[in-house]
Amino acid sequence: MGVQVLPYPMRLGSGTVDFLPGITYTGQTSDYSWGLQALGTHRIGTNKLGYSLGNNYNITSWVARRWSDWISTSVRFNYRWWDDFSGADARLNPMLVPTADPLRRGGQRLDIMGGVNFLLPEWKGFENRISVEGGVPIYQDLAGPQLETDWIVWAGFQFVK
């Protein structure tokens, strides 16, 4: 019985050491907050199979409005782009499996997101917050056979001492 080699999109992790630079700017008044953030993932070297995933970059900006002490809403733009791979896993044949082509893995996407945050009553000295954000891509360009994004939803619960 042979070992099945999975194409790139089905693999977990990069197998490389990655440099993750980032910078964030934020500001606020009594009722508004805003910010801009730039993040990146730079692959250092190749993994034991002779390739590295493409570098990727993310720029996001947002503005939020506090309506009361317990609720706020936000709108956010998120732009992300990612490069093709460097090298290839020699066990994969791009002629048989299109997602195995390392030169067709890049792309870019711009999303618009809307969110709502609820501040819950304090519990045992912890501040509790529920956040929900959803959105859709307003621009998407994929360099090859990759999964498109149709919509995005984030939900979270935070507690802070």
N, C-alpha and C. Protein backbone atom coordinates (compact mmCIF):
# COMPACT_ATOMS: atom_id res chain seq x y z
N MET A 1 0.85 -1.18 0.00
CA MET A 1 0.00 0.00 0.00
C MET A 1 0.89 1.23 0.00
N GLY A 2 0.71 2.13 -0.95
CA GLY A 2 1.55 3.33 -1.09
C GLY A 2 1.11 4.44 -0.15
N VAL A 3 2.02 5.37 0.05
CA VAL A 3 1.75 6.54 0.87
C VAL A 3 1.20 7.65 -0.02
N GLN A 4 0.08 8.21 0.35
CA GLN A 4 -0.54 9.29 -0.42
C GLN A 4 0.15 10.61 -0.10
N VAL A 5 0.63 11.31 -1.11
CA VAL A 5 1.26 12.62 -0.94
C VAL A 5 0.19 13.69 -1.18
N LEU A 6 -0.04 14.51 -0.19
CA LEU A 6 -1.09 15.53 -0.29
C LEU A 6 -0.59 16.76 -1.06
N PRO A 7 -1.47 17.38 -1.87
CA PRO A 7 -1.09 18.63 -2.54
C PRO A 7 -0.93 19.76 -1.52
N TYR A 8 -0.28 20.83 -1.93
CA TYR A 8 0.05 21.93 -1.02
C TYR A 8 -1.11 22.46 -0.18
N PRO A 9 -2.30 22.69 -0.75
CA PRO A 9 -3.38 23.29 0.06
C PRO A 9 -3.85 22.40 1.22
N MET A 10 -3.52 21.12 1.18
CA MET A 10 -3.99 20.20 2.22
C MET A 10 -2.95 19.95 3.31
N ARG A 11 -1.83 20.67 3.25
CA ARG A 11 -0.75 20.47 4.21
C ARG A 11 -0.84 21.47 5.35
N LEU A 12 -0.46 21.03 6.52
CA LEU A 12 -0.45 21.89 7.70
C LEU A 12 0.94 22.50 7.86
N GLY A 13 1.02 23.80 8.07
CA GLY A 13 2.29 24.44 8.34
C GLY A 13 3.15 24.65 7.11
N SER A 14 4.30 25.29 7.33
CA SER A 14 5.18 25.62 6.21
C SER A 14 6.45 24.77 6.21
N GLY A 15 6.84 24.27 7.38
CA GLY A 15 8.08 23.51 7.46
C GLY A 15 9.31 24.41 7.42
N THR A 16 9.13 25.71 7.51
CA THR A 16 10.24 26.65 7.50
C THR A 16 10.19 27.53 8.74
N VAL A 17 11.30 28.20 8.99
CA VAL A 17 11.33 29.24 10.00
C VAL A 17 10.81 30.49 9.32
N ASP A 18 9.88 31.18 9.95
CA ASP A 18 9.26 32.34 9.33
C ASP A 18 9.49 33.59 10.18
N PHE A 19 9.78 34.70 9.52
CA PHE A 19 9.93 36.00 10.16
C PHE A 19 8.58 36.71 10.03
N LEU A 20 8.03 37.20 11.15
CA LEU A 20 6.68 37.77 11.18
C LEU A 20 6.72 39.25 11.62
N PRO A 21 7.15 40.16 10.76
CA PRO A 21 7.18 41.57 11.16
C PRO A 21 5.79 42.18 11.15
N GLY A 22 5.61 43.22 11.95
CA GLY A 22 4.33 43.92 11.98
C GLY A 22 4.45 45.26 12.68
N ILE A 23 3.56 46.16 12.31
CA ILE A 23 3.49 47.46 12.95
C ILE A 23 2.03 47.88 13.00
N THR A 24 1.64 48.55 14.10
CA THR A 24 0.26 48.98 14.29
C THR A 24 0.23 50.41 14.78
N TYR A 25 -0.70 51.20 14.24
CA TYR A 25 -0.97 52.55 14.71
C TYR A 25 -2.44 52.60 15.11
N THR A 26 -2.73 53.17 16.29
CA THR A 26 -4.12 53.34 16.71
C THR A 26 -4.32 54.73 17.29
N GLY A 27 -5.55 55.18 17.26
CA GLY A 27 -5.93 56.46 17.86
C GLY A 27 -7.37 56.36 18.35
N GLN A 28 -7.74 57.28 19.26
CA GLN A 28 -9.12 57.26 19.73
C GLN A 28 -9.51 58.58 20.37
N THR A 29 -10.81 58.82 20.34
CA THR A 29 -11.44 59.90 21.08
C THR A 29 -12.44 59.23 22.02
N SER A 30 -13.31 59.98 22.63
CA SER A 30 -14.26 59.37 23.56
C SER A 30 -15.23 58.41 22.85
N ASP A 31 -15.60 58.69 21.60
CA ASP A 31 -16.58 57.85 20.91
C ASP A 31 -16.04 57.11 19.69
N TYR A 32 -14.86 57.47 19.19
CA TYR A 32 -14.32 56.85 17.97
C TYR A 32 -12.93 56.28 18.23
N SER A 33 -12.62 55.23 17.50
CA SER A 33 -11.25 54.71 17.47
C SER A 33 -10.94 54.33 16.03
N TRP A 34 -9.65 54.30 15.69
CA TRP A 34 -9.24 54.00 14.33
C TRP A 34 -7.84 53.40 14.38
N GLY A 35 -7.46 52.81 13.27
CA GLY A 35 -6.13 52.24 13.24
C GLY A 35 -5.73 51.74 11.88
N LEU A 36 -4.45 51.42 11.79
CA LEU A 36 -3.83 50.89 10.58
C LEU A 36 -2.80 49.87 11.04
N GLN A 37 -2.78 48.72 10.38
CA GLN A 37 -1.83 47.67 10.75
C GLN A 37 -1.25 47.03 9.50
N ALA A 38 0.06 46.78 9.52
CA ALA A 38 0.75 46.07 8.44
C ALA A 38 1.45 44.86 9.05
N LEU A 39 1.22 43.69 8.48
CA LEU A 39 1.82 42.44 8.95
C LEU A 39 2.42 41.70 7.77
N GLY A 40 3.40 40.87 8.03
CA GLY A 40 4.00 40.08 6.96
C GLY A 40 4.47 38.73 7.47
N THR A 41 4.65 37.82 6.55
CA THR A 41 5.28 36.53 6.83
C THR A 41 6.34 36.33 5.76
N HIS A 42 7.60 36.33 6.19
CA HIS A 42 8.72 36.14 5.28
C HIS A 42 9.35 34.78 5.56
N ARG A 43 9.34 33.92 4.57
CA ARG A 43 9.87 32.56 4.73
C ARG A 43 11.40 32.61 4.66
N ILE A 44 12.04 31.96 5.61
CA ILE A 44 13.50 31.92 5.64
C ILE A 44 13.94 30.51 5.27
N GLY A 45 14.62 30.37 4.15
CA GLY A 45 15.09 29.06 3.71
C GLY A 45 13.99 28.21 3.12
N THR A 46 14.28 26.93 2.98
CA THR A 46 13.31 25.98 2.45
C THR A 46 13.10 24.87 3.48
N ASN A 47 12.02 24.13 3.32
CA ASN A 47 11.75 23.02 4.23
C ASN A 47 12.50 21.77 3.78
N LYS A 48 12.34 20.67 4.50
CA LYS A 48 13.09 19.45 4.19
C LYS A 48 12.69 18.82 2.85
N LEU A 49 11.58 19.29 2.26
CA LEU A 49 11.14 18.77 0.96
C LEU A 49 11.63 19.65 -0.20
N GLY A 50 12.37 20.72 0.10
CA GLY A 50 12.99 21.52 -0.95
C GLY A 50 12.18 22.69 -1.47
N TYR A 51 11.18 23.14 -0.74
CA TYR A 51 10.40 24.30 -1.18
C TYR A 51 10.06 25.17 0.02
N SER A 52 9.59 26.37 -0.26
CA SER A 52 9.04 27.22 0.81
C SER A 52 7.76 27.86 0.28
N LEU A 53 6.80 28.00 1.16
CA LEU A 53 5.57 28.70 0.80
C LEU A 53 5.92 30.13 0.43
N GLY A 54 5.05 30.80 -0.28
CA GLY A 54 5.29 32.19 -0.65
C GLY A 54 5.17 33.13 0.54
N ASN A 55 5.89 34.23 0.48
CA ASN A 55 5.74 35.27 1.49
C ASN A 55 4.33 35.83 1.39
N ASN A 56 3.81 36.35 2.50
CA ASN A 56 2.50 37.00 2.41
C ASN A 56 2.48 38.25 3.27
N TYR A 57 1.59 39.16 2.89
CA TYR A 57 1.52 40.49 3.49
C TYR A 57 0.06 40.86 3.72
N ASN A 58 -0.17 41.67 4.75
CA ASN A 58 -1.52 42.05 5.10
C ASN A 58 -1.53 43.50 5.59
N ILE A 59 -2.42 44.31 5.02
CA ILE A 59 -2.62 45.69 5.49
C ILE A 59 -4.10 45.84 5.81
N THR A 60 -4.39 46.32 7.01
CA THR A 60 -5.77 46.50 7.41
C THR A 60 -5.94 47.88 8.04
N SER A 61 -7.09 48.49 7.80
CA SER A 61 -7.41 49.77 8.44
C SER A 61 -8.86 49.72 8.91
N TRP A 62 -9.13 50.42 10.01
CA TRP A 62 -10.47 50.35 10.58
C TRP A 62 -10.84 51.65 11.27
N VAL A 63 -12.14 51.80 11.45
CA VAL A 63 -12.69 52.85 12.29
C VAL A 63 -13.85 52.23 13.06
N ALA A 64 -13.98 52.62 14.33
CA ALA A 64 -15.04 52.07 15.18
C ALA A 64 -15.75 53.22 15.89
N ARG A 65 -17.02 53.01 16.19
CA ARG A 65 -17.85 54.01 16.87
C ARG A 65 -18.45 53.38 18.11
N ARG A 66 -18.23 54.00 19.26
CA ARG A 66 -18.84 53.56 20.52
C ARG A 66 -20.20 54.24 20.64
N TRP A 67 -21.25 53.44 20.80
CA TRP A 67 -22.61 53.97 20.88
C TRP A 67 -23.06 54.14 22.33
N SER A 68 -22.52 53.32 23.21
CA SER A 68 -22.82 53.41 24.64
C SER A 68 -21.67 52.72 25.37
N ASP A 69 -21.81 52.57 26.66
CA ASP A 69 -20.75 51.91 27.45
C ASP A 69 -20.64 50.43 27.14
N TRP A 70 -21.63 49.84 26.47
CA TRP A 70 -21.60 48.40 26.28
C TRP A 70 -21.62 47.93 24.82
N ILE A 71 -21.74 48.85 23.84
CA ILE A 71 -21.79 48.41 22.44
C ILE A 71 -21.02 49.38 21.54
N SER A 72 -20.32 48.79 20.57
CA SER A 72 -19.65 49.58 19.54
C SER A 72 -19.73 48.82 18.21
N THR A 73 -19.60 49.56 17.12
CA THR A 73 -19.59 48.96 15.79
C THR A 73 -18.33 49.41 15.07
N SER A 74 -17.97 48.67 14.02
CA SER A 74 -16.76 48.99 13.29
C SER A 74 -16.91 48.66 11.81
N VAL A 75 -16.07 49.30 11.01
CA VAL A 75 -15.92 48.94 9.60
C VAL A 75 -14.42 48.84 9.34
N ARG A 76 -14.04 47.86 8.52
CA ARG A 76 -12.63 47.59 8.30
C ARG A 76 -12.39 47.17 6.86
N PHE A 77 -11.27 47.62 6.31
CA PHE A 77 -10.79 47.16 5.01
C PHE A 77 -9.55 46.33 5.25
N ASN A 78 -9.46 45.18 4.62
CA ASN A 78 -8.33 44.29 4.79
C ASN A 78 -7.80 43.88 3.42
N TYR A 79 -6.54 44.24 3.12
CA TYR A 79 -5.91 43.86 1.85
C TYR A 79 -4.80 42.88 2.13
N ARG A 80 -4.81 41.77 1.43
CA ARG A 80 -3.83 40.71 1.63
C ARG A 80 -3.32 40.24 0.28
N TRP A 81 -2.00 40.01 0.19
CA TRP A 81 -1.44 39.40 -1.00
C TRP A 81 -0.39 38.39 -0.61
N TRP A 82 -0.23 37.36 -1.44
CA TRP A 82 0.68 36.27 -1.16
C TRP A 82 1.37 35.86 -2.45
N ASP A 83 2.63 35.44 -2.31
CA ASP A 83 3.48 35.10 -3.46
C ASP A 83 3.40 33.62 -3.80
N ASP A 84 3.87 33.30 -5.01
CA ASP A 84 4.04 31.91 -5.41
C ASP A 84 5.08 31.25 -4.51
N PHE A 85 5.14 29.93 -4.55
CA PHE A 85 6.12 29.20 -3.77
C PHE A 85 7.49 29.32 -4.41
N SER A 86 8.51 29.01 -3.64
CA SER A 86 9.88 28.95 -4.14
C SER A 86 10.31 27.48 -4.05
N GLY A 87 10.71 26.91 -5.16
CA GLY A 87 11.03 25.48 -5.19
C GLY A 87 9.76 24.66 -5.32
N ALA A 88 9.91 23.35 -5.22
CA ALA A 88 8.76 22.46 -5.36
C ALA A 88 9.02 21.14 -4.65
N ASP A 89 7.94 20.48 -4.26
CA ASP A 89 8.02 19.12 -3.72
C ASP A 89 8.10 18.19 -4.93
N ALA A 90 9.23 17.52 -5.11
CA ALA A 90 9.47 16.68 -6.29
C ALA A 90 8.50 15.50 -6.39
N ARG A 91 7.83 15.15 -5.30
CA ARG A 91 6.89 14.02 -5.32
C ARG A 91 5.55 14.38 -5.97
N LEU A 92 5.30 15.67 -6.17
CA LEU A 92 4.03 16.11 -6.76
C LEU A 92 4.17 16.36 -8.26
N ASN A 93 3.14 16.02 -9.01
CA ASN A 93 3.14 16.24 -10.45
C ASN A 93 2.07 17.27 -10.80
N PRO A 94 2.46 18.52 -11.13
CA PRO A 94 1.47 19.54 -11.46
C PRO A 94 0.63 19.22 -12.69
N MET A 95 1.10 18.30 -13.54
CA MET A 95 0.33 17.92 -14.72
C MET A 95 -0.88 17.07 -14.33
N LEU A 96 -0.77 16.35 -13.21
CA LEU A 96 -1.88 15.51 -12.75
C LEU A 96 -2.77 16.22 -11.74
N VAL A 97 -2.17 17.06 -10.91
CA VAL A 97 -2.91 17.77 -9.87
C VAL A 97 -2.60 19.26 -10.00
N PRO A 98 -3.52 20.06 -10.55
CA PRO A 98 -3.24 21.49 -10.80
C PRO A 98 -2.84 22.27 -9.54
N THR A 99 -3.33 21.87 -8.36
CA THR A 99 -2.97 22.60 -7.14
C THR A 99 -1.55 22.29 -6.69
N ALA A 100 -0.85 21.39 -7.41
CA ALA A 100 0.54 21.05 -7.08
C ALA A 100 1.53 21.94 -7.83
N ASP A 101 1.07 22.90 -8.59
CA ASP A 101 1.96 23.81 -9.32
C ASP A 101 2.40 24.94 -8.40
N PRO A 102 3.68 24.98 -7.99
CA PRO A 102 4.13 26.01 -7.04
C PRO A 102 4.15 27.42 -7.64
N LEU A 103 4.06 27.52 -8.96
CA LEU A 103 4.06 28.84 -9.61
C LEU A 103 2.66 29.38 -9.86
N ARG A 104 1.65 28.72 -9.28
CA ARG A 104 0.27 29.17 -9.41
C ARG A 104 -0.39 29.24 -8.04
N ARG A 105 0.37 29.69 -7.03
CA ARG A 105 -0.12 29.74 -5.65
C ARG A 105 -0.31 31.16 -5.14
N GLY A 106 0.09 32.17 -5.91
CA GLY A 106 -0.01 33.55 -5.46
C GLY A 106 -1.41 34.11 -5.63
N GLY A 107 -1.61 35.31 -5.11
CA GLY A 107 -2.90 35.97 -5.27
C GLY A 107 -3.01 37.20 -4.38
N GLN A 108 -4.18 37.83 -4.46
CA GLN A 108 -4.46 39.00 -3.63
C GLN A 108 -5.95 39.14 -3.43
N ARG A 109 -6.32 39.82 -2.32
CA ARG A 109 -7.74 39.98 -2.01
C ARG A 109 -7.93 41.22 -1.15
N LEU A 110 -9.02 41.95 -1.42
CA LEU A 110 -9.43 43.09 -0.60
C LEU A 110 -10.81 42.79 -0.05
N ASP A 111 -10.93 42.84 1.28
CA ASP A 111 -12.20 42.55 1.95
C ASP A 111 -12.74 43.81 2.62
N ILE A 112 -14.06 43.90 2.71
CA ILE A 112 -14.71 44.92 3.55
C ILE A 112 -15.45 44.16 4.65
N MET A 113 -15.26 44.64 5.88
CA MET A 113 -15.78 43.94 7.04
C MET A 113 -16.58 44.89 7.92
N GLY A 114 -17.63 44.40 8.54
CA GLY A 114 -18.39 45.15 9.51
C GLY A 114 -18.47 44.35 10.81
N GLY A 115 -18.40 45.05 11.95
CA GLY A 115 -18.37 44.32 13.20
C GLY A 115 -19.17 44.99 14.30
N VAL A 116 -19.45 44.21 15.34
CA VAL A 116 -20.12 44.72 16.53
C VAL A 116 -19.45 44.08 17.75
N ASN A 117 -19.24 44.91 18.79
CA ASN A 117 -18.62 44.46 20.04
C ASN A 117 -19.57 44.73 21.20
N PHE A 118 -19.71 43.75 22.08
CA PHE A 118 -20.56 43.88 23.26
C PHE A 118 -19.69 43.73 24.50
N LEU A 119 -19.74 44.72 25.38
CA LEU A 119 -19.06 44.64 26.67
C LEU A 119 -20.05 44.08 27.68
N LEU A 120 -19.71 42.94 28.26
CA LEU A 120 -20.60 42.27 29.21
C LEU A 120 -20.26 42.71 30.63
N PRO A 121 -21.15 42.45 31.57
CA PRO A 121 -20.85 42.82 32.96
C PRO A 121 -19.59 42.13 33.47
N GLU A 122 -18.85 42.84 34.30
CA GLU A 122 -17.64 42.30 34.89
C GLU A 122 -17.98 41.06 35.73
N TRP A 123 -17.09 40.07 35.69
CA TRP A 123 -17.31 38.84 36.42
C TRP A 123 -16.01 38.44 37.11
N LYS A 124 -16.01 38.38 38.42
CA LYS A 124 -14.85 37.99 39.23
C LYS A 124 -13.60 38.80 38.86
N GLY A 125 -13.80 40.09 38.62
CA GLY A 125 -12.68 40.96 38.29
C GLY A 125 -12.24 40.93 36.84
N PHE A 126 -12.94 40.18 36.00
CA PHE A 126 -12.60 40.10 34.58
C PHE A 126 -13.56 40.94 33.76
N GLU A 127 -13.01 41.71 32.81
CA GLU A 127 -13.84 42.41 31.83
C GLU A 127 -14.12 41.41 30.72
N ASN A 128 -15.35 41.27 30.29
CA ASN A 128 -15.76 40.29 29.30
C ASN A 128 -16.31 40.99 28.06
N ARG A 129 -15.91 40.49 26.90
CA ARG A 129 -16.30 41.12 25.64
C ARG A 129 -16.62 40.05 24.60
N ILE A 130 -17.70 40.24 23.85
CA ILE A 130 -18.04 39.38 22.71
C ILE A 130 -17.93 40.24 21.45
N SER A 131 -17.25 39.70 20.44
CA SER A 131 -17.06 40.42 19.17
C SER A 131 -17.50 39.53 18.02
N VAL A 132 -18.19 40.13 17.05
CA VAL A 132 -18.58 39.43 15.83
C VAL A 132 -18.28 40.35 14.66
N GLU A 133 -17.62 39.81 13.63
CA GLU A 133 -17.29 40.60 12.44
C GLU A 133 -17.54 39.74 11.22
N GLY A 134 -18.11 40.34 10.20
CA GLY A 134 -18.38 39.63 8.95
C GLY A 134 -18.12 40.51 7.76
N GLY A 135 -17.85 39.88 6.62
CA GLY A 135 -17.60 40.68 5.43
C GLY A 135 -17.51 39.83 4.18
N VAL A 136 -17.18 40.53 3.09
CA VAL A 136 -17.07 39.89 1.78
C VAL A 136 -15.87 40.48 1.04
N PRO A 137 -15.29 39.69 0.13
CA PRO A 137 -14.24 40.25 -0.72
C PRO A 137 -14.86 41.22 -1.72
N ILE A 138 -14.19 42.37 -1.93
CA ILE A 138 -14.64 43.28 -2.98
C ILE A 138 -13.69 43.24 -4.17
N TYR A 139 -12.56 42.56 -4.00
CA TYR A 139 -11.62 42.30 -5.09
C TYR A 139 -10.87 41.03 -4.75
N GLN A 140 -10.71 40.15 -5.74
CA GLN A 140 -10.02 38.89 -5.53
C GLN A 140 -9.37 38.47 -6.83
N ASP A 141 -8.06 38.19 -6.78
CA ASP A 141 -7.32 37.76 -7.97
C ASP A 141 -6.41 36.61 -7.56
N LEU A 142 -6.74 35.41 -8.02
CA LEU A 142 -5.97 34.22 -7.68
C LEU A 142 -5.15 33.79 -8.89
N ALA A 143 -3.87 33.47 -8.67
CA ALA A 143 -2.95 33.16 -9.77
C ALA A 143 -3.11 31.75 -10.32
N GLY A 144 -3.92 30.94 -9.70
CA GLY A 144 -4.09 29.57 -10.17
C GLY A 144 -5.29 28.93 -9.52
N PRO A 145 -5.35 27.59 -9.57
CA PRO A 145 -6.49 26.88 -8.99
C PRO A 145 -6.42 26.89 -7.46
N GLN A 146 -7.06 27.87 -6.87
CA GLN A 146 -7.11 28.02 -5.42
C GLN A 146 -8.56 28.22 -5.01
N LEU A 147 -8.83 27.99 -3.74
CA LEU A 147 -10.18 28.20 -3.25
C LEU A 147 -10.47 29.70 -3.12
N GLU A 148 -11.57 30.13 -3.70
CA GLU A 148 -12.04 31.51 -3.55
C GLU A 148 -12.65 31.71 -2.18
N THR A 149 -12.68 32.95 -1.75
CA THR A 149 -13.39 33.31 -0.53
C THR A 149 -14.69 33.99 -0.94
N ASP A 150 -15.83 33.51 -0.45
CA ASP A 150 -17.12 34.11 -0.74
C ASP A 150 -17.56 35.05 0.37
N TRP A 151 -17.26 34.69 1.62
CA TRP A 151 -17.63 35.50 2.76
C TRP A 151 -16.75 35.13 3.94
N ILE A 152 -16.72 35.99 4.95
CA ILE A 152 -15.86 35.81 6.12
C ILE A 152 -16.67 36.13 7.37
N VAL A 153 -16.52 35.34 8.42
CA VAL A 153 -17.13 35.63 9.72
C VAL A 153 -16.11 35.31 10.81
N TRP A 154 -15.94 36.26 11.72
CA TRP A 154 -15.11 36.09 12.90
C TRP A 154 -15.98 36.27 14.12
N ALA A 155 -15.78 35.46 15.12
CA ALA A 155 -16.47 35.64 16.39
C ALA A 155 -15.46 35.35 17.50
N GLY A 156 -15.56 36.13 18.57
CA GLY A 156 -14.61 35.92 19.65
C GLY A 156 -15.16 36.31 21.00
N PHE A 157 -14.55 35.74 22.00
CA PHE A 157 -14.87 36.08 23.39
C PHE A 157 -13.56 36.42 24.09
N GLN A 158 -13.51 37.56 24.76
CA GLN A 158 -12.32 37.99 25.48
C GLN A 158 -12.64 38.22 26.94
N PHE A 159 -11.71 37.87 27.78
CA PHE A 159 -11.81 38.27 29.18
C PHE A 159 -10.44 38.79 29.60
N VAL A 160 -10.45 39.96 30.23
CA VAL A 160 -9.24 40.68 30.58
C VAL A 160 -9.25 40.99 32.06
N LYS A 161 -8.18 40.74 32.73
CA LYS A 161 -8.05 41.05 34.16
C LYS A 161 -7.58 42.48 34.34
